[in-house]
Amino acid sequence: MGELDTVVLTKGVPDFREGQVSFDENGHLERGKTPTVMNPNDKHALRAALQTRVRHGGTVSVMSMGPPGYKDVLREAMETVYADDLTLVSDREMAAADTWATAITLASAIRKRGVPDLVFAGFKTADGETGHTGPQTCWCLDLPVVTHVIALDVDADEETVRAKRLVEGDIEEVETVEVSLPAFIVTDPDFEPVYRTAADRLELKTLRNETRERAAALDEDDDAVTVWDHSDLNLDPDYIGLDGSPTIVSSVDPIPKAPAEREATMVDPADSDAMQQVVEELTPFATGPGAAEAGGD
């Protein structure tokens, strides 16, 4: 097989730290009015793809579905995985899609570019928390899928991938599975990349330097991100976006905004009496559970 072709799926999610998540009257997230960051779990998928590239060579493509502002998310992904190319699937017909409509759209985009040897996706998103999009996209592509992956090795000659995964419902039990390529990998937050040899670590450094230059040039290169709309993918608007989403949102709970200010007591380190009071107040909590109730003895 030689070098491997891989695709990583990533998504932008609301930056909940801002406390400014906006919804419309129908309960749909208004992403244009909400600060966006890369989904944290996608970084594990990016690291798995990077490990595969360092060990086996080849190319890494990053793909996302969302509004034009997601180019910033793709830029962050490029800097994380040292990607060769970026694809954004975007137009108004795709807006307000649930996981099923998203999976249909992403699978169509993957077919258009050519199904790779490996597709990587994160465990779940910070906004939906369903964990459905990766496996549903895999189902649309009719590929074998391995979920909750914490380690993997690819045998390019045998065209197989062997992965260690957490057993469903048991975070302590690990099983090893092997599937044929092409395959779909959903990484677990416990995934840790491993670079065993000096050659791997040197390759990692080389890729990092090359990609920093490409990522820095994204703002000046209008062609750096490939953008496909529903017509490019030959998708019927009735089956994507809100119209193609069977999920019904019954209600949305507002996300509370963090307090702008917190109360604090300033203590001058030179004030021995004040410092002694601080020590007396904190000592019971530093000596272990139950110490405060026991008087700190």
C-alpha atoms as a PDB file:
ATOM      1  CA  MET A   1       0.000   0.000   0.000  1.00  0.00           C
ATOM      2  CA  GLY A   2       2.851   2.391   0.750  1.00  0.00           C
ATOM      3  CA  GLU A   3       1.963   5.796   2.173  1.00  0.00           C
ATOM      4  CA  LEU A   4      -1.409   6.349   3.827  1.00  0.00           C
ATOM      5  CA  ASP A   5      -4.156   8.796   2.926  1.00  0.00           C
ATOM      6  CA  THR A   6      -6.119  10.033   5.954  1.00  0.00           C
ATOM      7  CA  VAL A   7      -8.960  12.439   6.688  1.00  0.00           C
ATOM      8  CA  VAL A   8      -9.731  14.031  10.048  1.00  0.00           C
ATOM      9  CA  LEU A   9     -13.189  15.408  10.796  1.00  0.00           C
ATOM     10  CA  THR A  10     -13.370  18.410  13.081  1.00  0.00           C
ATOM     11  CA  LYS A  11     -16.013  20.861  14.194  1.00  0.00           C
ATOM     12  CA  GLY A  12     -16.333  24.280  15.730  1.00  0.00           C
ATOM     13  CA  VAL A  13     -18.250  24.485  18.989  1.00  0.00           C
ATOM     14  CA  PRO A  14     -19.416  27.414  21.118  1.00  0.00           C
ATOM     15  CA  ASP A  15     -16.769  28.800  23.410  1.00  0.00           C
ATOM     16  CA  PHE A  16     -18.686  28.261  26.623  1.00  0.00           C
ATOM     17  CA  ARG A  17     -16.047  30.158  28.550  1.00  0.00           C
ATOM     18  CA  GLU A  18     -17.395  33.344  27.044  1.00  0.00           C
ATOM     19  CA  GLY A  19     -20.849  32.781  28.575  1.00  0.00           C
ATOM     20  CA  GLN A  20     -22.441  34.340  25.495  1.00  0.00           C
ATOM     21  CA  VAL A  21     -24.029  31.401  23.678  1.00  0.00           C
ATOM     22  CA  SER A  22     -26.941  32.663  21.570  1.00  0.00           C
ATOM     23  CA  PHE A  23     -30.097  30.772  20.511  1.00  0.00           C
ATOM     24  CA  ASP A  24     -32.940  31.871  18.235  1.00  0.00           C
ATOM     25  CA  GLU A  25     -36.640  31.649  19.079  1.00  0.00           C
ATOM     26  CA  ASN A  26     -36.778  28.057  17.792  1.00  0.00           C
ATOM     27  CA  GLY A  27     -34.012  26.870  20.084  1.00  0.00           C
ATOM     28  CA  HIS A  28     -31.360  26.685  17.334  1.00  0.00           C
ATOM     29  CA  LEU A  29     -27.845  27.772  18.144  1.00  0.00           C
ATOM     30  CA  GLU A  30     -26.928  31.045  16.422  1.00  0.00           C
ATOM     31  CA  ARG A  31     -23.339  30.226  15.611  1.00  0.00           C
ATOM     32  CA  GLY A  32     -22.724  33.545  13.886  1.00  0.00           C
ATOM     33  CA  LYS A  33     -23.362  35.326  17.197  1.00  0.00           C
ATOM     34  CA  THR A  34     -21.450  32.864  19.378  1.00  0.00           C
ATOM     35  CA  PRO A  35     -17.633  32.703  19.777  1.00  0.00           C
ATOM     36  CA  THR A  36     -16.340  29.462  18.244  1.00  0.00           C
ATOM     37  CA  VAL A  37     -13.390  27.191  19.057  1.00  0.00           C
ATOM     38  CA  MET A  38     -12.316  23.764  17.882  1.00  0.00           C
ATOM     39  CA  ASN A  39     -14.157  20.915  19.585  1.00  0.00           C
ATOM     40  CA  PRO A  40     -11.741  19.730  22.318  1.00  0.00           C
ATOM     41  CA  ASN A  41     -12.242  16.007  21.612  1.00  0.00           C
ATOM     42  CA  ASP A  42     -11.253  16.485  17.970  1.00  0.00           C
ATOM     43  CA  LYS A  43      -7.699  17.224  19.048  1.00  0.00           C
ATOM     44  CA  HIS A  44      -7.287  13.572  20.030  1.00  0.00           C
ATOM     45  CA  ALA A  45      -8.358  12.536  16.519  1.00  0.00           C
ATOM     46  CA  LEU A  46      -5.862  15.003  15.054  1.00  0.00           C
ATOM     47  CA  ARG A  47      -3.074  13.561  17.195  1.00  0.00           C
ATOM     48  CA  ALA A  48      -3.947  10.031  16.096  1.00  0.00           C
ATOM     49  CA  ALA A  49      -3.809  11.093  12.454  1.00  0.00           C
ATOM     50  CA  LEU A  50      -0.490  12.842  13.041  1.00  0.00           C
ATOM     51  CA  GLN A  51       1.001   9.734  14.660  1.00  0.00           C
ATOM     52  CA  THR A  52      -0.107   7.692  11.642  1.00  0.00           C
ATOM     53  CA  ARG A  53       1.438  10.153   9.209  1.00  0.00           C
ATOM     54  CA  VAL A  54       4.732  10.363  11.078  1.00  0.00           C
ATOM     55  CA  ARG A  55       5.068   6.571  11.151  1.00  0.00           C
ATOM     56  CA  HIS A  56       3.843   5.802   7.640  1.00  0.00           C
ATOM     57  CA  GLY A  57       4.084   8.977   5.583  1.00  0.00           C
ATOM     58  CA  GLY A  58       1.329  10.028   3.224  1.00  0.00           C
ATOM     59  CA  THR A  59      -1.133  12.878   3.490  1.00  0.00           C
ATOM     60  CA  VAL A  60      -3.581  14.254   6.039  1.00  0.00           C
ATOM     61  CA  SER A  61      -6.694  16.197   5.046  1.00  0.00           C
ATOM     62  CA  VAL A  62      -8.861  18.060   7.545  1.00  0.00           C
ATOM     63  CA  MET A  63     -12.571  18.495   6.853  1.00  0.00           C
ATOM     64  CA  SER A  64     -15.307  20.402   8.641  1.00  0.00           C
ATOM     65  CA  MET A  65     -18.920  21.355   8.023  1.00  0.00           C
ATOM     66  CA  GLY A  66     -20.099  24.764   9.145  1.00  0.00           C
ATOM     67  CA  PRO A  67     -20.292  28.492   8.365  1.00  0.00           C
ATOM     68  CA  PRO A  68     -17.452  30.432   6.672  1.00  0.00           C
ATOM     69  CA  GLY A  69     -16.028  31.358  10.079  1.00  0.00           C
ATOM     70  CA  TYR A  70     -14.982  27.722  10.536  1.00  0.00           C
ATOM     71  CA  LYS A  71     -11.890  28.511   8.482  1.00  0.00           C
ATOM     72  CA  ASP A  72     -10.349  29.579  11.797  1.00  0.00           C
ATOM     73  CA  VAL A  73     -11.098  26.124  13.201  1.00  0.00           C
ATOM     74  CA  LEU A  74      -9.462  24.525  10.164  1.00  0.00           C
ATOM     75  CA  ARG A  75      -6.427  26.729  10.624  1.00  0.00           C
ATOM     76  CA  GLU A  76      -6.076  25.529  14.214  1.00  0.00           C
ATOM     77  CA  ALA A  77      -6.452  21.951  13.009  1.00  0.00           C
ATOM     78  CA  MET A  78      -3.713  22.449  10.419  1.00  0.00           C
ATOM     79  CA  GLU A  79      -1.361  23.678  13.114  1.00  0.00           C
ATOM     80  CA  THR A  80      -2.213  20.678  15.313  1.00  0.00           C
ATOM     81  CA  VAL A  81      -1.953  17.862  12.774  1.00  0.00           C
ATOM     82  CA  TYR A  82       0.272  19.574  10.165  1.00  0.00           C
ATOM     83  CA  ALA A  83      -2.379  18.932   7.530  1.00  0.00           C
ATOM     84  CA  ASP A  84      -1.718  19.042   3.796  1.00  0.00           C
ATOM     85  CA  ASP A  85      -5.102  20.455   2.796  1.00  0.00           C
ATOM     86  CA  LEU A  86      -8.309  21.792   4.308  1.00  0.00           C
ATOM     87  CA  THR A  87     -11.931  21.384   3.188  1.00  0.00           C
ATOM     88  CA  LEU A  88     -14.944  23.307   4.455  1.00  0.00           C
ATOM     89  CA  VAL A  89     -18.422  22.041   3.577  1.00  0.00           C
ATOM     90  CA  SER A  90     -20.648  25.081   3.868  1.00  0.00           C
ATOM     91  CA  ASP A  91     -23.809  26.789   2.671  1.00  0.00           C
ATOM     92  CA  ARG A  92     -27.169  27.914   4.055  1.00  0.00           C
ATOM     93  CA  GLU A  93     -28.906  24.700   2.983  1.00  0.00           C
ATOM     94  CA  MET A  94     -26.780  22.803   5.512  1.00  0.00           C
ATOM     95  CA  ALA A  95     -27.641  25.047   8.456  1.00  0.00           C
ATOM     96  CA  ALA A  96     -29.247  23.669  11.656  1.00  0.00           C
ATOM     97  CA  ALA A  97     -28.428  20.072  10.707  1.00  0.00           C
ATOM     98  CA  ASP A  98     -28.672  17.348  13.337  1.00  0.00           C
ATOM     99  CA  THR A  99     -26.137  14.522  13.504  1.00  0.00           C
ATOM    100  CA  TRP A 100     -27.849  12.472  10.801  1.00  0.00           C
ATOM    101  CA  ALA A 101     -28.029  15.283   8.243  1.00  0.00           C
ATOM    102  CA  THR A 102     -24.443  16.203   9.133  1.00  0.00           C
ATOM    103  CA  ALA A 103     -23.291  12.618   8.591  1.00  0.00           C
ATOM    104  CA  ILE A 104     -24.936  12.451   5.163  1.00  0.00           C
ATOM    105  CA  THR A 105     -23.230  15.680   4.148  1.00  0.00           C
ATOM    106  CA  LEU A 106     -19.789  14.726   5.465  1.00  0.00           C
ATOM    107  CA  ALA A 107     -19.934  11.261   3.889  1.00  0.00           C
ATOM    108  CA  SER A 108     -20.779  12.831   0.528  1.00  0.00           C
ATOM    109  CA  ALA A 109     -17.822  15.195   0.856  1.00  0.00           C
ATOM    110  CA  ILE A 110     -15.469  12.327   1.724  1.00  0.00           C
ATOM    111  CA  ARG A 111     -16.661  10.387  -1.320  1.00  0.00           C
ATOM    112  CA  LYS A 112     -16.106  13.438  -3.526  1.00  0.00           C
ATOM    113  CA  ARG A 113     -12.452  13.772  -2.446  1.00  0.00           C
ATOM    114  CA  GLY A 114     -11.992   9.991  -2.515  1.00  0.00           C
ATOM    115  CA  VAL A 115     -12.432   7.633   0.430  1.00  0.00           C
ATOM    116  CA  PRO A 116      -9.098   7.543   2.293  1.00  0.00           C
ATOM    117  CA  ASP A 117      -7.357   4.679   4.067  1.00  0.00           C
ATOM    118  CA  LEU A 118      -8.380   6.062   7.452  1.00  0.00           C
ATOM    119  CA  VAL A 119     -10.979   8.548   8.673  1.00  0.00           C
ATOM    120  CA  PHE A 120     -10.481   9.939  12.181  1.00  0.00           C
ATOM    121  CA  ALA A 121     -13.147  11.596  14.310  1.00  0.00           C
ATOM    122  CA  GLY A 122     -13.391  12.769  17.904  1.00  0.00           C
ATOM    123  CA  PHE A 123     -15.497  11.028  20.542  1.00  0.00           C
ATOM    124  CA  LYS A 124     -18.229  13.664  20.841  1.00  0.00           C
ATOM    125  CA  THR A 125     -18.757  17.401  20.573  1.00  0.00           C
ATOM    126  CA  ALA A 126     -18.960  19.849  23.436  1.00  0.00           C
ATOM    127  CA  ASP A 127     -22.248  21.293  22.202  1.00  0.00           C
ATOM    128  CA  GLY A 128     -24.240  18.171  21.260  1.00  0.00           C
ATOM    129  CA  GLU A 129     -22.657  15.518  23.526  1.00  0.00           C
ATOM    130  CA  THR A 130     -24.285  12.711  21.474  1.00  0.00           C
ATOM    131  CA  GLY A 131     -21.246  10.978  19.971  1.00  0.00           C
ATOM    132  CA  HIS A 132     -23.373  10.123  16.911  1.00  0.00           C
ATOM    133  CA  THR A 133     -21.790  12.009  14.026  1.00  0.00           C
ATOM    134  CA  GLY A 134     -18.652   9.879  13.662  1.00  0.00           C
ATOM    135  CA  PRO A 135     -20.352   6.461  13.671  1.00  0.00           C
ATOM    136  CA  GLN A 136     -23.225   7.728  11.497  1.00  0.00           C
ATOM    137  CA  THR A 137     -20.775   9.106   8.930  1.00  0.00           C
ATOM    138  CA  CYS A 138     -19.003   5.747   8.995  1.00  0.00           C
ATOM    139  CA  TRP A 139     -22.326   3.956   8.424  1.00  0.00           C
ATOM    140  CA  CYS A 140     -22.973   6.127   5.366  1.00  0.00           C
ATOM    141  CA  LEU A 141     -19.539   5.187   4.009  1.00  0.00           C
ATOM    142  CA  ASP A 142     -20.009   1.475   4.833  1.00  0.00           C
ATOM    143  CA  LEU A 143     -16.638   1.211   6.576  1.00  0.00           C
ATOM    144  CA  PRO A 144     -15.587  -0.804   9.637  1.00  0.00           C
ATOM    145  CA  VAL A 145     -15.475   1.406  12.729  1.00  0.00           C
ATOM    146  CA  VAL A 146     -13.486   1.208  15.965  1.00  0.00           C
ATOM    147  CA  THR A 147     -14.604   3.515  18.762  1.00  0.00           C
ATOM    148  CA  HIS A 148     -13.041   4.663  22.061  1.00  0.00           C
ATOM    149  CA  VAL A 149      -9.551   4.105  20.615  1.00  0.00           C
ATOM    150  CA  ILE A 150      -6.684   4.824  23.006  1.00  0.00           C
ATOM    151  CA  ALA A 151      -3.818   3.421  20.886  1.00  0.00           C
ATOM    152  CA  LEU A 152      -3.381   2.158  17.341  1.00  0.00           C
ATOM    153  CA  ASP A 153      -0.863   0.667  14.930  1.00  0.00           C
ATOM    154  CA  VAL A 154      -1.287   0.446  11.174  1.00  0.00           C
ATOM    155  CA  ASP A 155       0.169  -2.378   9.066  1.00  0.00           C
ATOM    156  CA  ALA A 156       0.295  -0.740   5.652  1.00  0.00           C
ATOM    157  CA  ASP A 157       1.516  -3.904   3.931  1.00  0.00           C
ATOM    158  CA  GLU A 158      -1.290  -6.062   5.322  1.00  0.00           C
ATOM    159  CA  GLU A 159      -3.758  -3.149   4.994  1.00  0.00           C
ATOM    160  CA  THR A 160      -4.994  -3.517   8.556  1.00  0.00           C
ATOM    161  CA  VAL A 161      -5.189  -1.372  11.656  1.00  0.00           C
ATOM    162  CA  ARG A 162      -4.940  -2.805  15.155  1.00  0.00           C
ATOM    163  CA  ALA A 163      -6.363  -0.675  17.913  1.00  0.00           C
ATOM    164  CA  LYS A 164      -6.721  -0.766  21.662  1.00  0.00           C
ATOM    165  CA  ARG A 165     -10.084   0.511  22.802  1.00  0.00           C
ATOM    166  CA  LEU A 166     -11.921   1.005  26.059  1.00  0.00           C
ATOM    167  CA  VAL A 167     -14.742  -1.472  26.478  1.00  0.00           C
ATOM    168  CA  GLU A 168     -18.145   0.212  26.508  1.00  0.00           C
ATOM    169  CA  GLY A 169     -19.302   0.913  30.039  1.00  0.00           C
ATOM    170  CA  ASP A 170     -15.947   0.015  31.613  1.00  0.00           C
ATOM    171  CA  ILE A 171     -13.172   2.588  31.594  1.00  0.00           C
ATOM    172  CA  GLU A 172     -10.683   0.090  33.051  1.00  0.00           C
ATOM    173  CA  GLU A 173     -11.122  -2.828  30.634  1.00  0.00           C
ATOM    174  CA  VAL A 174      -9.230  -2.591  27.341  1.00  0.00           C
ATOM    175  CA  GLU A 175      -9.646  -4.821  24.309  1.00  0.00           C
ATOM    176  CA  THR A 176      -7.569  -5.111  21.128  1.00  0.00           C
ATOM    177  CA  VAL A 177      -9.347  -5.288  17.782  1.00  0.00           C
ATOM    178  CA  GLU A 178      -8.139  -5.496  14.205  1.00  0.00           C
ATOM    179  CA  VAL A 179      -9.972  -4.321  11.094  1.00  0.00           C
ATOM    180  CA  SER A 180      -9.143  -4.003   7.409  1.00  0.00           C
ATOM    181  CA  LEU A 181      -8.429  -0.717   5.671  1.00  0.00           C
ATOM    182  CA  PRO A 182     -10.122   1.533   4.776  1.00  0.00           C
ATOM    183  CA  ALA A 183     -11.509   2.065   8.271  1.00  0.00           C
ATOM    184  CA  PHE A 184     -13.039   4.677  10.543  1.00  0.00           C
ATOM    185  CA  ILE A 185     -11.416   5.488  13.901  1.00  0.00           C
ATOM    186  CA  VAL A 186     -13.164   7.339  16.736  1.00  0.00           C
ATOM    187  CA  THR A 187     -10.596   8.350  19.335  1.00  0.00           C
ATOM    188  CA  ASP A 188     -11.193   8.409  23.068  1.00  0.00           C
ATOM    189  CA  PRO A 189     -10.023  11.320  25.239  1.00  0.00           C
ATOM    190  CA  ASP A 190      -7.505   8.883  26.770  1.00  0.00           C
ATOM    191  CA  PHE A 191      -5.683   8.504  23.425  1.00  0.00           C
ATOM    192  CA  GLU A 192      -1.986   9.302  23.683  1.00  0.00           C
ATOM    193  CA  PRO A 193       0.317   9.368  20.621  1.00  0.00           C
ATOM    194  CA  VAL A 194       3.558   7.425  20.825  1.00  0.00           C
ATOM    195  CA  TYR A 195       6.751   8.284  18.931  1.00  0.00           C
ATOM    196  CA  ARG A 196       9.205   5.491  19.676  1.00  0.00           C
ATOM    197  CA  THR A 197      12.157   6.276  17.430  1.00  0.00           C
ATOM    198  CA  ALA A 198      14.455   9.218  16.858  1.00  0.00           C
ATOM    199  CA  ALA A 199      13.438   9.180  13.186  1.00  0.00           C
ATOM    200  CA  ASP A 200       9.798   9.654  14.179  1.00  0.00           C
ATOM    201  CA  ARG A 201      10.637  12.567  16.439  1.00  0.00           C
ATOM    202  CA  LEU A 202      12.741  14.218  13.729  1.00  0.00           C
ATOM    203  CA  GLU A 203       9.909  13.813  11.219  1.00  0.00           C
ATOM    204  CA  LEU A 204       7.520  15.370  13.723  1.00  0.00           C
ATOM    205  CA  LYS A 205       9.798  18.405  14.042  1.00  0.00           C
ATOM    206  CA  THR A 206      10.103  18.756  10.269  1.00  0.00           C
ATOM    207  CA  LEU A 207       6.344  18.638   9.770  1.00  0.00           C
ATOM    208  CA  ARG A 208       5.810  21.193  12.520  1.00  0.00           C
ATOM    209  CA  ASN A 209       8.151  23.699  10.890  1.00  0.00           C
ATOM    210  CA  GLU A 210       6.692  23.214   7.410  1.00  0.00           C
ATOM    211  CA  THR A 211       3.089  23.550   8.539  1.00  0.00           C
ATOM    212  CA  ARG A 212       3.598  26.664  10.632  1.00  0.00           C
ATOM    213  CA  GLU A 213       4.594  28.449   7.442  1.00  0.00           C
ATOM    214  CA  ARG A 214       1.528  27.187   5.541  1.00  0.00           C
ATOM    215  CA  ALA A 215      -0.852  28.015   8.401  1.00  0.00           C
ATOM    216  CA  ALA A 216       0.555  31.530   8.661  1.00  0.00           C
ATOM    217  CA  ALA A 217      -0.145  32.072   4.941  1.00  0.00           C
ATOM    218  CA  LEU A 218      -3.811  31.017   5.100  1.00  0.00           C
ATOM    219  CA  ASP A 219      -5.093  34.573   5.544  1.00  0.00           C
ATOM    220  CA  GLU A 220      -3.349  35.666   2.356  1.00  0.00           C
ATOM    221  CA  ASP A 221      -4.342  32.654   0.228  1.00  0.00           C
ATOM    222  CA  ASP A 222      -7.997  32.520  -0.789  1.00  0.00           C
ATOM    223  CA  ASP A 223      -7.496  29.055  -2.279  1.00  0.00           C
ATOM    224  CA  ALA A 224      -5.936  27.519   0.850  1.00  0.00           C
ATOM    225  CA  VAL A 225      -9.308  26.141   1.969  1.00  0.00           C
ATOM    226  CA  THR A 226     -11.477  24.193  -0.483  1.00  0.00           C
ATOM    227  CA  VAL A 227     -15.148  25.118   0.019  1.00  0.00           C
ATOM    228  CA  TRP A 228     -17.956  22.869  -1.229  1.00  0.00           C
ATOM    229  CA  ASP A 229     -21.666  23.653  -1.082  1.00  0.00           C
ATOM    230  CA  HIS A 230     -24.607  21.254  -1.472  1.00  0.00           C
ATOM    231  CA  SER A 231     -24.587  21.551  -5.265  1.00  0.00           C
ATOM    232  CA  ASP A 232     -20.888  20.598  -5.388  1.00  0.00           C
ATOM    233  CA  LEU A 233     -21.815  17.444  -3.484  1.00  0.00           C
ATOM    234  CA  ASN A 234     -24.969  16.800  -5.532  1.00  0.00           C
ATOM    235  CA  LEU A 235     -27.114  16.824  -2.391  1.00  0.00           C
ATOM    236  CA  ASP A 236     -30.853  17.418  -2.297  1.00  0.00           C
ATOM    237  CA  PRO A 237     -31.630  20.256   0.185  1.00  0.00           C
ATOM    238  CA  ASP A 238     -34.637  18.253   1.415  1.00  0.00           C
ATOM    239  CA  TYR A 239     -32.260  15.662   2.918  1.00  0.00           C
ATOM    240  CA  ILE A 240     -29.695  17.909   4.573  1.00  0.00           C
ATOM    241  CA  GLY A 241     -29.693  20.835   6.992  1.00  0.00           C
ATOM    242  CA  LEU A 242     -32.800  21.498   9.038  1.00  0.00           C
ATOM    243  CA  ASP A 243     -35.177  19.952   6.467  1.00  0.00           C
ATOM    244  CA  GLY A 244     -33.260  16.676   6.509  1.00  0.00           C
ATOM    245  CA  SER A 245     -32.936  16.489  10.304  1.00  0.00           C
ATOM    246  CA  PRO A 246     -35.340  14.132  12.106  1.00  0.00           C
ATOM    247  CA  THR A 247     -34.242  15.395  15.529  1.00  0.00           C
ATOM    248  CA  ILE A 248     -36.695  17.741  17.265  1.00  0.00           C
ATOM    249  CA  VAL A 249     -35.374  20.111  19.954  1.00  0.00           C
ATOM    250  CA  SER A 250     -38.042  20.285  22.662  1.00  0.00           C
ATOM    251  CA  SER A 251     -36.284  22.852  24.838  1.00  0.00           C
ATOM    252  CA  VAL A 252     -32.951  24.517  25.492  1.00  0.00           C
ATOM    253  CA  ASP A 253     -31.623  25.516  28.883  1.00  0.00           C
ATOM    254  CA  PRO A 254     -29.724  28.804  28.899  1.00  0.00           C
ATOM    255  CA  ILE A 255     -26.048  28.648  29.743  1.00  0.00           C
ATOM    256  CA  PRO A 256     -25.301  30.886  32.742  1.00  0.00           C
ATOM    257  CA  LYS A 257     -22.688  33.530  32.304  1.00  0.00           C
ATOM    258  CA  ALA A 258     -19.800  33.393  34.726  1.00  0.00           C
ATOM    259  CA  PRO A 259     -19.679  36.280  37.200  1.00  0.00           C
ATOM    260  CA  ALA A 260     -17.564  39.148  35.948  1.00  0.00           C
ATOM    261  CA  GLU A 261     -16.039  39.710  39.381  1.00  0.00           C
ATOM    262  CA  ARG A 262     -15.233  37.474  42.334  1.00  0.00           C
ATOM    263  CA  GLU A 263     -14.853  38.514  45.925  1.00  0.00           C
ATOM    264  CA  ALA A 264     -11.325  38.291  47.247  1.00  0.00           C
ATOM    265  CA  THR A 265      -9.572  39.235  50.446  1.00  0.00           C
ATOM    266  CA  MET A 266      -6.160  40.808  49.939  1.00  0.00           C
ATOM    267  CA  VAL A 267      -3.560  39.846  52.548  1.00  0.00           C
ATOM    268  CA  ASP A 268      -0.209  41.574  52.936  1.00  0.00           C
ATOM    269  CA  PRO A 269       2.479  38.864  53.345  1.00  0.00           C
ATOM    270  CA  ALA A 270       4.289  41.209  55.742  1.00  0.00           C
ATOM    271  CA  ASP A 271       1.267  41.239  58.089  1.00  0.00           C
ATOM    272  CA  SER A 272       2.073  38.293  60.368  1.00  0.00           C
ATOM    273  CA  ASP A 273      -1.271  38.360  62.187  1.00  0.00           C
ATOM    274  CA  ALA A 274      -3.258  38.309  58.902  1.00  0.00           C
ATOM    275  CA  MET A 275      -1.080  35.509  57.481  1.00  0.00           C
ATOM    276  CA  GLN A 276      -1.522  33.480  60.656  1.00  0.00           C
ATOM    277  CA  GLN A 277      -5.301  33.787  60.278  1.00  0.00           C
ATOM    278  CA  VAL A 278      -5.069  32.505  56.680  1.00  0.00           C
ATOM    279  CA  VAL A 279      -2.996  29.520  57.794  1.00  0.00           C
ATOM    280  CA  GLU A 280      -5.460  28.689  60.573  1.00  0.00           C
ATOM    281  CA  GLU A 281      -8.400  28.823  58.149  1.00  0.00           C
ATOM    282  CA  LEU A 282      -6.774  26.670  55.446  1.00  0.00           C
ATOM    283  CA  THR A 283      -4.924  24.100  57.562  1.00  0.00           C
ATOM    284  CA  PRO A 284      -7.996  21.896  58.289  1.00  0.00           C
ATOM    285  CA  PHE A 285      -8.680  21.589  54.544  1.00  0.00           C
ATOM    286  CA  ALA A 286      -5.069  20.725  53.727  1.00  0.00           C
ATOM    287  CA  THR A 287      -4.778  17.841  56.199  1.00  0.00           C
ATOM    288  CA  GLY A 288      -7.278  15.540  54.485  1.00  0.00           C
ATOM    289  CA  PRO A 289     -11.013  14.719  54.400  1.00  0.00           C
ATOM    290  CA  GLY A 290     -12.765  15.048  57.707  1.00  0.00           C
ATOM    291  CA  ALA A 291     -10.041  17.128  59.255  1.00  0.00           C
ATOM    292  CA  ALA A 292     -12.121  20.300  59.185  1.00  0.00           C
ATOM    293  CA  GLU A 293     -14.915  18.584  61.125  1.00  0.00           C
ATOM    294  CA  ALA A 294     -12.384  17.188  63.597  1.00  0.00           C
ATOM    295  CA  GLY A 295     -10.899  20.576  64.267  1.00  0.00           C
ATOM    296  CA  GLY A 296      -7.783  19.990  62.159  1.00  0.00           C
ATOM    297  CA  ASP A 297      -6.055  17.676  64.663  1.00  0.00           C
END
